[in-house]
Amino acid sequence: MRNGESRDGQGAGPPVGGTRRGVLKGAAAALSLTAAARLALPGGAFAQGAGPEVKGAKLGFIALTDAGPLFVAKEKGLFAKYGMPDVEVLKQASWGTTRDNLVLGSEGNGIDGAHILTPMPYLISAGRVTQNNVPVPMQILARLNTNGQCISVAKEYLDQKVGLDSKVFKAAIDRKKAAGKSVKAAMTFPGGTHDLWIRYWLAAGGIDPDKDIETIVVPPPQMVANMKVGTMDCFCVGEPWNAQLVQQGLGYSALTTGELWKDHPEKAFAMRASWVEKNPLATKALLMAVLEAQQWCDKPENRDEFAAIVAKRQWINIPVADVAGRMKGTIDYGDGRVVENSPHTMKFWADDASYPYQSHDLWFLTEDMRWGKLDAQTDTKALIAKVNREDLWREAAKALGVAAIPASTSRGKETMFDGKVFDPADPAAYLASLGIKKVS
């Protein structure tokens, strides 16, 4: 364990009444929330004489490629462009540190917002991962990216050619356990995206992530070093750490997470709700800067410069080559497979990557309920209504002149690699279809 993170979800939050099927089916209503019920930003926020309430904010990030839009917004002067020249983009040691500093807020020498695993604002808002289970309201303002994570395995499994079907991995770890050796899978935060991707993959091949393998927490920048000393057998993390593992000859990528679920949601840009409520104009300014940065990041002609920016010492501090290849669509899995122009490359803007679909948040909540990270009776409709601020995203996008704004808060049915279908109109049916789970 590192930085005070626990492996088991960190305590229990208060249950909300009603049957699981009832509350999950009720969540569909959350996908049609209107801005009328929300805190509305004043019109013409950047008209003459109007400007942000404050000139800065403290934003946290973890050393991952998908934090790139925050780096670009800072380096290209986009925060300053929208009246926020004093924004600080601050490196955090782990997702546990990010959580702790968000709980503190900048007034307590913490941070106001962050590049963050999409489920974390929900877990923090529900008090599931905070000290004494005290809720700290958070709000998701944008999705930062889709795709761009991997499940990697140790070099000792190279002959097994572990890939999308984890049954191959199951046979290998069964042999290892029979020899009296432990088997560990690392992820980055309990109930976070990486935890959910590796759990989904393991369970699809008949591996119970809570019984058949030990799940441990390792901060993203420490994954490769821990694999080098044999801490774990596999891990799930974002780039560039999977690419670096291959570059150093310590293991290989079994799969990219886009192969599990094409164009899946990943990180979010989130702020403390109290900061948003106190600074609506500054919130809009931050969003406009981040959205413009996302558009820049996604242009093919900018990918080399993007790689050079994120590799810098103050950001990820890694060789440019460990970033550039996979960002440009070349995936060397490290086991002999090399894919050019991969359809699973990280996206920041294309195909509505930046828009925070509420249906995607509902999938994360459903999976966290599956594994006991959220109470089975969680009122997902109410939680999404509090946390997901897609209405503010729309305001910022309109101010930027974005033409293609999603018409619905739902992307519709989503099909996973194993044929399971998540229908946001009936998440209970999806949950019932899953074989291995904690919830009954």
Protein backbone atom coordinates (compact mmCIF):
# COMPACT_ATOMS: atom_id res chain seq x y z
CA MET A 1 0.00 0.00 0.00
CA ARG A 2 1.21 3.50 -0.72
CA ASN A 3 0.30 7.02 0.32
CA GLY A 4 -2.45 5.91 2.66
CA GLU A 5 -4.50 4.17 -0.04
CA SER A 6 -6.40 1.10 1.06
CA ARG A 7 -6.95 -1.97 -1.06
CA ASP A 8 -10.51 -2.68 -0.11
CA GLY A 9 -12.49 0.46 -0.91
CA GLN A 10 -11.97 2.27 2.38
CA GLY A 11 -15.06 1.92 4.45
CA ALA A 12 -18.78 2.04 3.87
CA GLY A 13 -21.03 4.90 2.97
CA PRO A 14 -24.65 5.30 4.05
CA PRO A 15 -27.12 3.07 2.20
CA VAL A 16 -29.95 4.63 0.29
CA GLY A 17 -33.34 2.95 0.38
CA GLY A 18 -34.98 1.02 -2.42
CA THR A 19 -34.18 -2.14 -4.36
CA ARG A 20 -31.06 -2.31 -6.47
CA ARG A 21 -33.04 -2.93 -9.65
CA GLY A 22 -35.32 -0.02 -8.81
CA VAL A 23 -32.59 2.47 -8.17
CA LEU A 24 -30.57 1.33 -11.19
CA LYS A 25 -33.56 1.62 -13.51
CA GLY A 26 -34.27 5.01 -12.00
CA ALA A 27 -30.79 6.11 -13.01
CA ALA A 28 -31.93 6.36 -16.60
CA ALA A 29 -33.80 9.52 -15.66
CA ALA A 30 -30.51 11.13 -14.70
CA LEU A 31 -29.48 11.01 -18.34
CA SER A 32 -32.08 13.64 -19.24
CA LEU A 33 -31.23 16.23 -16.61
CA THR A 34 -31.74 19.76 -17.78
CA ALA A 35 -29.68 22.79 -17.02
CA ALA A 36 -32.76 24.43 -15.53
CA ALA A 37 -32.31 22.44 -12.35
CA ARG A 38 -28.66 23.30 -12.15
CA LEU A 39 -26.46 26.23 -11.28
CA ALA A 40 -26.57 28.23 -14.52
CA LEU A 41 -23.66 30.29 -15.68
CA PRO A 42 -24.50 33.92 -16.47
CA GLY A 43 -24.87 34.58 -20.18
CA GLY A 44 -22.11 36.47 -21.92
CA ALA A 45 -19.60 35.58 -19.23
CA PHE A 46 -16.80 37.06 -21.27
CA ALA A 47 -18.60 40.12 -22.52
CA GLN A 48 -16.90 43.47 -22.04
CA GLY A 49 -16.37 44.17 -18.37
CA ALA A 50 -17.10 40.60 -17.27
CA GLY A 51 -14.38 38.20 -16.23
CA PRO A 52 -13.46 35.40 -13.84
CA GLU A 53 -13.95 36.00 -10.12
CA VAL A 54 -10.38 34.81 -9.50
CA LYS A 55 -7.25 34.69 -11.65
CA GLY A 56 -6.04 31.27 -10.62
CA ALA A 57 -6.82 27.80 -9.35
CA LYS A 58 -4.72 24.90 -8.12
CA LEU A 59 -5.14 21.83 -10.33
CA GLY A 60 -3.59 18.47 -9.58
CA PHE A 61 -2.35 15.86 -12.02
CA ILE A 62 -0.73 12.43 -12.03
CA ALA A 63 2.19 11.77 -14.39
CA LEU A 64 0.14 10.25 -17.20
CA THR A 65 -0.21 11.10 -20.88
CA ASP A 66 -3.93 11.79 -20.47
CA ALA A 67 -3.16 14.77 -18.23
CA GLY A 68 -1.77 16.36 -21.40
CA PRO A 69 -4.61 18.86 -21.93
CA LEU A 70 -3.74 20.53 -18.61
CA PHE A 71 -0.06 20.72 -19.56
CA VAL A 72 -0.94 22.18 -22.96
CA ALA A 73 -3.41 24.69 -21.52
CA LYS A 74 -0.67 25.92 -19.20
CA GLU A 75 2.21 25.91 -21.70
CA LYS A 76 0.22 27.44 -24.56
CA GLY A 77 -1.17 30.23 -22.38
CA LEU A 78 -4.78 29.09 -22.71
CA PHE A 79 -5.62 29.57 -19.05
CA ALA A 80 -4.26 33.12 -19.35
CA LYS A 81 -6.18 33.63 -22.59
CA TYR A 82 -9.44 33.16 -20.72
CA GLY A 83 -8.49 35.36 -17.79
CA MET A 84 -6.85 32.76 -15.52
CA PRO A 85 -3.09 33.50 -15.71
CA ASP A 86 -2.38 32.27 -12.20
CA VAL A 87 -3.56 28.67 -12.66
CA GLU A 88 -1.09 26.21 -11.14
CA VAL A 89 -0.85 22.65 -12.49
CA LEU A 90 0.64 20.62 -9.65
CA LYS A 91 2.06 17.09 -9.70
CA GLN A 92 0.55 14.64 -7.23
CA ALA A 93 2.36 11.52 -5.99
CA SER A 94 -0.63 9.18 -6.25
CA TRP A 95 -4.39 9.13 -6.66
CA GLY A 96 -4.61 8.87 -2.87
CA THR A 97 -2.65 12.12 -2.61
CA THR A 98 -4.97 13.69 -5.19
CA ARG A 99 -7.97 12.68 -3.09
CA ASP A 100 -6.43 13.99 0.12
CA ASN A 101 -5.55 17.35 -1.44
CA LEU A 102 -9.01 17.72 -2.97
CA VAL A 103 -10.53 17.13 0.47
CA LEU A 104 -8.29 19.90 1.85
CA GLY A 105 -9.01 22.38 -0.96
CA SER A 106 -6.61 25.19 -1.74
CA GLU A 107 -7.66 27.00 1.44
CA GLY A 108 -6.17 24.09 3.36
CA ASN A 109 -3.02 24.00 1.20
CA GLY A 110 -4.58 21.38 -1.05
CA ILE A 111 -5.99 21.71 -4.58
CA ASP A 112 -9.22 22.96 -6.14
CA GLY A 113 -9.53 20.46 -8.96
CA ALA A 114 -7.70 17.75 -10.85
CA HIS A 115 -7.02 15.41 -13.71
CA ILE A 116 -8.72 12.42 -12.12
CA LEU A 117 -10.02 8.88 -12.57
CA THR A 118 -13.68 9.31 -13.56
CA PRO A 119 -15.14 7.31 -10.64
CA MET A 120 -13.16 9.21 -8.00
CA PRO A 121 -15.32 12.36 -7.85
CA TYR A 122 -18.27 10.03 -7.18
CA LEU A 123 -16.43 8.02 -4.52
CA ILE A 124 -15.27 11.25 -2.83
CA SER A 125 -18.72 12.86 -3.06
CA ALA A 126 -20.29 9.74 -1.54
CA GLY A 127 -17.70 9.64 1.24
CA ARG A 128 -16.56 6.14 0.25
CA VAL A 129 -12.84 6.88 0.11
CA THR A 130 -12.48 9.84 2.48
CA GLN A 131 -11.39 9.94 6.11
CA ASN A 132 -14.26 8.99 8.42
CA ASN A 133 -16.39 8.61 5.27
CA VAL A 134 -17.11 12.35 5.20
CA PRO A 135 -18.58 13.33 1.80
CA VAL A 136 -16.77 16.10 -0.08
CA PRO A 137 -18.93 17.24 -3.03
CA MET A 138 -17.11 17.13 -6.36
CA GLN A 139 -18.24 17.99 -9.87
CA ILE A 140 -17.08 16.56 -13.21
CA LEU A 141 -16.79 19.33 -15.80
CA ALA A 142 -15.34 17.42 -18.75
CA ARG A 143 -13.99 14.07 -19.81
CA LEU A 144 -10.28 14.43 -20.54
CA ASN A 145 -9.87 11.44 -22.83
CA THR A 146 -11.07 8.09 -24.11
CA ASN A 147 -8.90 4.96 -24.57
CA GLY A 148 -5.15 5.01 -23.91
CA GLN A 149 -4.70 2.56 -21.01
CA CYS A 150 -3.34 -0.98 -21.06
CA ILE A 151 -3.18 -4.19 -19.11
CA SER A 152 0.44 -5.31 -19.05
CA VAL A 153 1.93 -8.58 -17.84
CA ALA A 154 5.35 -9.60 -16.60
CA LYS A 155 8.02 -10.99 -18.92
CA GLU A 156 7.72 -14.41 -17.24
CA TYR A 157 4.42 -14.86 -19.11
CA LEU A 158 5.85 -14.08 -22.55
CA ASP A 159 5.60 -17.67 -23.77
CA GLN A 160 1.90 -17.75 -22.86
CA LYS A 161 1.15 -14.83 -25.22
CA VAL A 162 -1.47 -13.43 -22.82
CA GLY A 163 -3.96 -11.25 -24.66
CA LEU A 164 -7.60 -10.20 -24.66
CA ASP A 165 -8.79 -13.61 -23.45
CA SER A 166 -7.67 -13.85 -19.82
CA LYS A 167 -8.36 -17.60 -19.74
CA VAL A 168 -4.77 -18.02 -20.94
CA PHE A 169 -3.58 -15.97 -17.97
CA LYS A 170 -5.82 -17.99 -15.64
CA ALA A 171 -4.13 -21.24 -16.65
CA ALA A 172 -0.70 -19.69 -16.07
CA ILE A 173 -1.48 -18.25 -12.64
CA ASP A 174 -3.21 -21.47 -11.57
CA ARG A 175 0.07 -23.28 -12.20
CA LYS A 176 2.01 -20.63 -10.30
CA LYS A 177 -0.33 -20.80 -7.31
CA ALA A 178 -0.15 -24.60 -7.33
CA ALA A 179 3.61 -24.21 -6.89
CA GLY A 180 2.95 -22.22 -3.73
CA LYS A 181 3.68 -18.79 -5.18
CA SER A 182 1.51 -15.68 -4.80
CA VAL A 183 0.00 -13.85 -7.76
CA LYS A 184 -0.67 -10.12 -7.71
CA ALA A 185 -2.47 -7.67 -9.98
CA ALA A 186 -1.72 -3.97 -9.54
CA MET A 187 -4.02 -1.05 -10.23
CA THR A 188 -3.90 2.59 -9.22
CA PHE A 189 -6.86 3.27 -6.89
CA PRO A 190 -9.66 1.08 -5.48
CA GLY A 191 -12.80 1.58 -7.56
CA GLY A 192 -10.99 3.72 -10.13
CA THR A 193 -10.87 3.15 -13.87
CA HIS A 194 -7.76 0.95 -13.85
CA ASP A 195 -9.21 -1.17 -11.06
CA LEU A 196 -12.40 -1.65 -13.06
CA TRP A 197 -10.63 -2.46 -16.35
CA ILE A 198 -8.42 -5.14 -14.85
CA ARG A 199 -11.31 -6.56 -12.82
CA TYR A 200 -13.50 -6.77 -15.93
CA TRP A 201 -10.74 -8.49 -17.91
CA LEU A 202 -9.90 -10.97 -15.17
CA ALA A 203 -13.54 -11.83 -14.45
CA ALA A 204 -14.35 -12.33 -18.14
CA GLY A 205 -11.80 -15.17 -18.17
CA GLY A 206 -13.05 -16.77 -14.96
CA ILE A 207 -10.60 -15.14 -12.54
CA ASP A 208 -12.25 -13.73 -9.43
CA PRO A 209 -10.24 -10.56 -8.66
CA ASP A 210 -11.15 -10.80 -4.97
CA LYS A 211 -10.44 -14.50 -4.49
CA ASP A 212 -8.10 -15.84 -7.16
CA ILE A 213 -5.51 -13.07 -7.22
CA GLU A 214 -4.29 -10.41 -4.81
CA THR A 215 -5.08 -6.88 -5.95
CA ILE A 216 -2.65 -4.17 -4.85
CA VAL A 217 -2.40 -0.40 -5.26
CA VAL A 218 0.64 1.13 -6.96
CA PRO A 219 0.83 4.77 -8.15
CA PRO A 220 1.17 5.04 -11.96
CA PRO A 221 4.76 6.38 -12.07
CA GLN A 222 5.91 3.47 -9.86
CA MET A 223 4.43 0.65 -11.95
CA VAL A 224 7.48 -0.12 -14.08
CA ALA A 225 9.93 -0.03 -11.15
CA ASN A 226 7.68 -2.38 -9.19
CA MET A 227 7.40 -4.79 -12.11
CA LYS A 228 11.19 -4.77 -12.36
CA VAL A 229 11.55 -6.09 -8.82
CA GLY A 230 8.72 -8.61 -9.21
CA THR A 231 6.08 -6.91 -7.08
CA MET A 232 3.25 -7.92 -9.40
CA ASP A 233 2.36 -10.29 -12.23
CA CYS A 234 0.21 -7.83 -14.15
CA PHE A 235 -0.96 -4.26 -13.90
CA CYS A 236 -3.39 -1.81 -15.41
CA VAL A 237 -2.30 1.79 -15.89
CA GLY A 238 -2.37 4.60 -18.41
CA GLU A 239 0.38 5.56 -20.81
CA PRO A 240 3.28 6.13 -20.99
CA TRP A 241 4.06 3.46 -18.40
CA ASN A 242 2.97 0.49 -20.52
CA ALA A 243 5.15 1.69 -23.37
CA GLN A 244 8.07 2.20 -20.99
CA LEU A 245 7.67 -1.35 -19.67
CA VAL A 246 8.10 -2.61 -23.24
CA GLN A 247 10.98 -0.24 -23.94
CA GLN A 248 12.82 -1.59 -20.90
CA GLY A 249 12.13 -5.22 -21.78
CA LEU A 250 10.40 -5.95 -18.48
CA GLY A 251 7.05 -7.15 -19.79
CA TYR A 252 4.49 -6.64 -22.51
CA SER A 253 1.04 -5.22 -23.17
CA ALA A 254 -1.55 -7.98 -23.16
CA LEU A 255 -4.17 -5.56 -24.46
CA THR A 256 -5.16 -1.94 -24.71
CA THR A 257 -8.30 -1.05 -22.79
CA GLY A 258 -9.89 0.17 -26.01
CA GLU A 259 -9.98 -3.50 -26.99
CA LEU A 260 -12.11 -4.20 -23.92
CA TRP A 261 -14.50 -1.36 -24.78
CA LYS A 262 -13.89 0.74 -27.86
CA ASP A 263 -13.66 4.48 -27.13
CA HIS A 264 -14.31 3.93 -23.44
CA PRO A 265 -14.34 6.98 -21.12
CA GLU A 266 -11.26 7.41 -18.95
CA LYS A 267 -10.03 10.47 -17.02
CA ALA A 268 -12.12 13.48 -16.05
CA PHE A 269 -11.49 17.13 -15.28
CA ALA A 270 -13.19 17.73 -11.94
CA MET A 271 -13.40 20.51 -9.37
CA ARG A 272 -14.61 20.82 -5.80
CA ALA A 273 -18.31 21.71 -5.98
CA SER A 274 -17.83 24.57 -3.54
CA TRP A 275 -15.23 26.15 -5.88
CA VAL A 276 -17.57 25.86 -8.86
CA GLU A 277 -20.46 27.42 -6.95
CA LYS A 278 -18.30 30.27 -5.69
CA ASN A 279 -16.60 30.94 -9.06
CA PRO A 280 -18.98 30.28 -11.97
CA LEU A 281 -17.16 32.60 -14.38
CA ALA A 282 -13.77 31.19 -13.46
CA THR A 283 -15.18 27.69 -13.90
CA LYS A 284 -16.26 28.58 -17.42
CA ALA A 285 -12.83 30.07 -18.11
CA LEU A 286 -11.07 26.91 -16.96
CA LEU A 287 -13.38 24.76 -19.05
CA MET A 288 -12.85 26.85 -22.17
CA ALA A 289 -9.08 26.59 -21.76
CA VAL A 290 -9.19 22.83 -21.24
CA LEU A 291 -11.55 22.25 -24.16
CA GLU A 292 -9.39 24.33 -26.48
CA ALA A 293 -6.34 22.40 -25.29
CA GLN A 294 -8.11 19.10 -25.98
CA GLN A 295 -8.83 20.18 -29.53
CA TRP A 296 -5.15 21.09 -30.01
CA CYS A 297 -3.97 17.78 -28.53
CA ASP A 298 -6.07 15.75 -30.94
CA LYS A 299 -4.70 17.27 -34.15
CA PRO A 300 -2.31 14.81 -35.83
CA GLU A 301 0.06 17.61 -36.79
CA ASN A 302 0.53 18.45 -33.11
CA ARG A 303 1.32 14.95 -31.85
CA ASP A 304 5.12 15.32 -31.95
CA GLU A 305 4.98 18.61 -30.07
CA PHE A 306 2.45 17.11 -27.68
CA ALA A 307 4.84 14.25 -26.89
CA ALA A 308 7.67 16.72 -26.33
CA ILE A 309 5.54 18.76 -23.93
CA VAL A 310 4.26 15.91 -21.77
CA ALA A 311 7.72 14.32 -21.58
CA LYS A 312 9.18 17.43 -19.92
CA ARG A 313 10.65 17.20 -16.45
CA GLN A 314 7.93 19.25 -14.76
CA TRP A 315 5.23 17.03 -16.24
CA ILE A 316 5.94 13.31 -16.75
CA ASN A 317 9.76 13.40 -16.92
CA ILE A 318 10.22 10.57 -19.40
CA PRO A 319 11.96 10.03 -22.77
CA VAL A 320 9.89 11.48 -25.62
CA ALA A 321 10.08 8.12 -27.41
CA ASP A 322 8.09 6.51 -24.57
CA VAL A 323 5.20 8.85 -25.35
CA ALA A 324 5.28 9.52 -29.08
CA GLY A 325 4.76 6.07 -30.59
CA ARG A 326 1.47 5.12 -28.99
CA MET A 327 0.15 8.68 -29.22
CA LYS A 328 0.65 8.46 -33.00
CA GLY A 329 -1.12 5.11 -33.24
CA THR A 330 1.85 2.72 -33.28
CA ILE A 331 1.50 0.09 -30.59
CA ASP A 332 4.43 -2.25 -30.03
CA TYR A 333 2.92 -4.73 -27.61
CA GLY A 334 6.33 -6.17 -26.74
CA ASP A 335 5.40 -9.75 -27.61
CA GLY A 336 5.98 -9.58 -31.35
CA ARG A 337 2.77 -7.76 -32.18
CA VAL A 338 3.12 -4.29 -33.68
CA VAL A 339 -0.02 -2.42 -34.77
CA GLU A 340 0.14 0.69 -36.93
CA ASN A 341 -2.72 3.19 -36.98
CA SER A 342 -4.41 1.51 -34.04
CA PRO A 343 -8.14 2.26 -33.71
CA HIS A 344 -7.62 2.36 -29.95
CA THR A 345 -5.34 5.38 -29.76
CA MET A 346 -6.03 7.89 -26.99
CA LYS A 347 -8.51 10.57 -28.00
CA PHE A 348 -8.94 13.96 -26.37
CA TRP A 349 -11.58 15.54 -28.60
CA ALA A 350 -12.57 13.34 -31.55
CA ASP A 351 -15.84 11.41 -31.36
CA ASP A 352 -17.08 13.49 -28.42
CA ALA A 353 -14.20 12.36 -26.21
CA SER A 354 -14.38 15.54 -24.12
CA TYR A 355 -18.12 15.46 -23.44
CA PRO A 356 -18.93 13.86 -20.05
CA TYR A 357 -21.72 11.48 -21.01
CA GLN A 358 -23.84 10.71 -17.99
CA SER A 359 -24.42 7.20 -19.35
CA HIS A 360 -20.69 6.56 -18.99
CA ASP A 361 -20.68 7.72 -15.40
CA LEU A 362 -23.57 5.33 -14.78
CA TRP A 363 -21.45 2.43 -16.11
CA PHE A 364 -18.67 3.27 -13.67
CA LEU A 365 -21.13 3.49 -10.77
CA THR A 366 -22.69 0.16 -11.77
CA GLU A 367 -19.28 -1.53 -11.89
CA ASP A 368 -18.32 -0.05 -8.52
CA MET A 369 -21.54 -1.49 -7.15
CA ARG A 370 -20.63 -4.82 -8.77
CA TRP A 371 -17.41 -4.97 -6.78
CA GLY A 372 -18.68 -3.51 -3.51
CA LYS A 373 -16.92 -0.16 -3.92
CA LEU A 374 -20.32 1.54 -3.74
CA ASP A 375 -23.31 0.37 -1.74
CA ALA A 376 -25.68 -1.80 -3.76
CA GLN A 377 -28.55 0.56 -2.93
CA THR A 378 -26.75 3.71 -4.08
CA ASP A 379 -29.14 6.22 -5.63
CA THR A 380 -27.19 6.60 -8.86
CA LYS A 381 -29.70 9.04 -10.30
CA ALA A 382 -29.20 11.49 -7.44
CA LEU A 383 -25.43 11.03 -7.41
CA ILE A 384 -25.07 11.69 -11.14
CA ALA A 385 -27.31 14.75 -10.79
CA LYS A 386 -24.93 16.19 -8.20
CA VAL A 387 -21.60 15.28 -9.76
CA ASN A 388 -21.93 15.38 -13.55
CA ARG A 389 -22.02 18.95 -14.86
CA GLU A 390 -22.41 18.30 -18.56
CA ASP A 391 -24.51 21.48 -18.65
CA LEU A 392 -21.40 23.53 -17.86
CA TRP A 393 -19.50 21.70 -20.59
CA ARG A 394 -22.21 22.74 -23.06
CA GLU A 395 -21.98 26.36 -21.93
CA ALA A 396 -18.21 26.41 -22.47
CA ALA A 397 -18.44 24.59 -25.80
CA LYS A 398 -21.02 27.04 -27.10
CA ALA A 399 -18.85 29.95 -26.02
CA LEU A 400 -15.98 28.41 -27.99
CA GLY A 401 -18.17 28.07 -31.06
CA VAL A 402 -18.16 24.27 -31.05
CA ALA A 403 -20.58 23.17 -33.73
CA ALA A 404 -21.04 19.49 -32.89
CA ILE A 405 -22.40 19.26 -29.35
CA PRO A 406 -23.97 15.91 -28.36
CA ALA A 407 -27.74 16.03 -28.43
CA SER A 408 -28.17 13.48 -25.64
CA THR A 409 -26.55 12.88 -22.28
CA SER A 410 -26.42 9.19 -23.19
CA ARG A 411 -24.19 7.58 -25.84
CA GLY A 412 -26.64 4.70 -25.89
CA LYS A 413 -25.94 1.00 -25.56
CA GLU A 414 -22.29 -0.01 -25.14
CA THR A 415 -20.94 -3.43 -26.12
CA MET A 416 -17.94 -4.91 -24.32
CA PHE A 417 -15.39 -7.22 -25.91
CA ASP A 418 -17.06 -10.32 -24.46
CA GLY A 419 -20.47 -9.45 -25.87
CA LYS A 420 -21.95 -8.03 -22.67
CA VAL A 421 -24.19 -5.04 -23.40
CA PHE A 422 -24.59 -2.09 -21.07
CA ASP A 423 -27.91 -0.36 -21.68
CA PRO A 424 -28.00 2.84 -19.60
CA ALA A 425 -31.77 2.58 -19.61
CA ASP A 426 -31.52 -0.74 -17.72
CA PRO A 427 -28.22 -1.08 -15.83
CA ALA A 428 -29.75 -3.74 -13.58
CA ALA A 429 -30.03 -6.12 -16.53
CA TYR A 430 -26.35 -5.56 -17.31
CA LEU A 431 -25.37 -6.21 -13.71
CA ALA A 432 -27.45 -9.37 -13.66
CA SER A 433 -25.71 -10.63 -16.80
CA LEU A 434 -22.27 -10.59 -15.18
CA GLY A 435 -21.01 -13.85 -13.75
CA ILE A 436 -18.38 -12.93 -11.18
CA LYS A 437 -19.33 -10.12 -8.80
CA LYS A 438 -19.47 -9.26 -5.12
CA VAL A 439 -23.03 -7.97 -5.13
CA SER A 440 -25.70 -10.68 -4.97
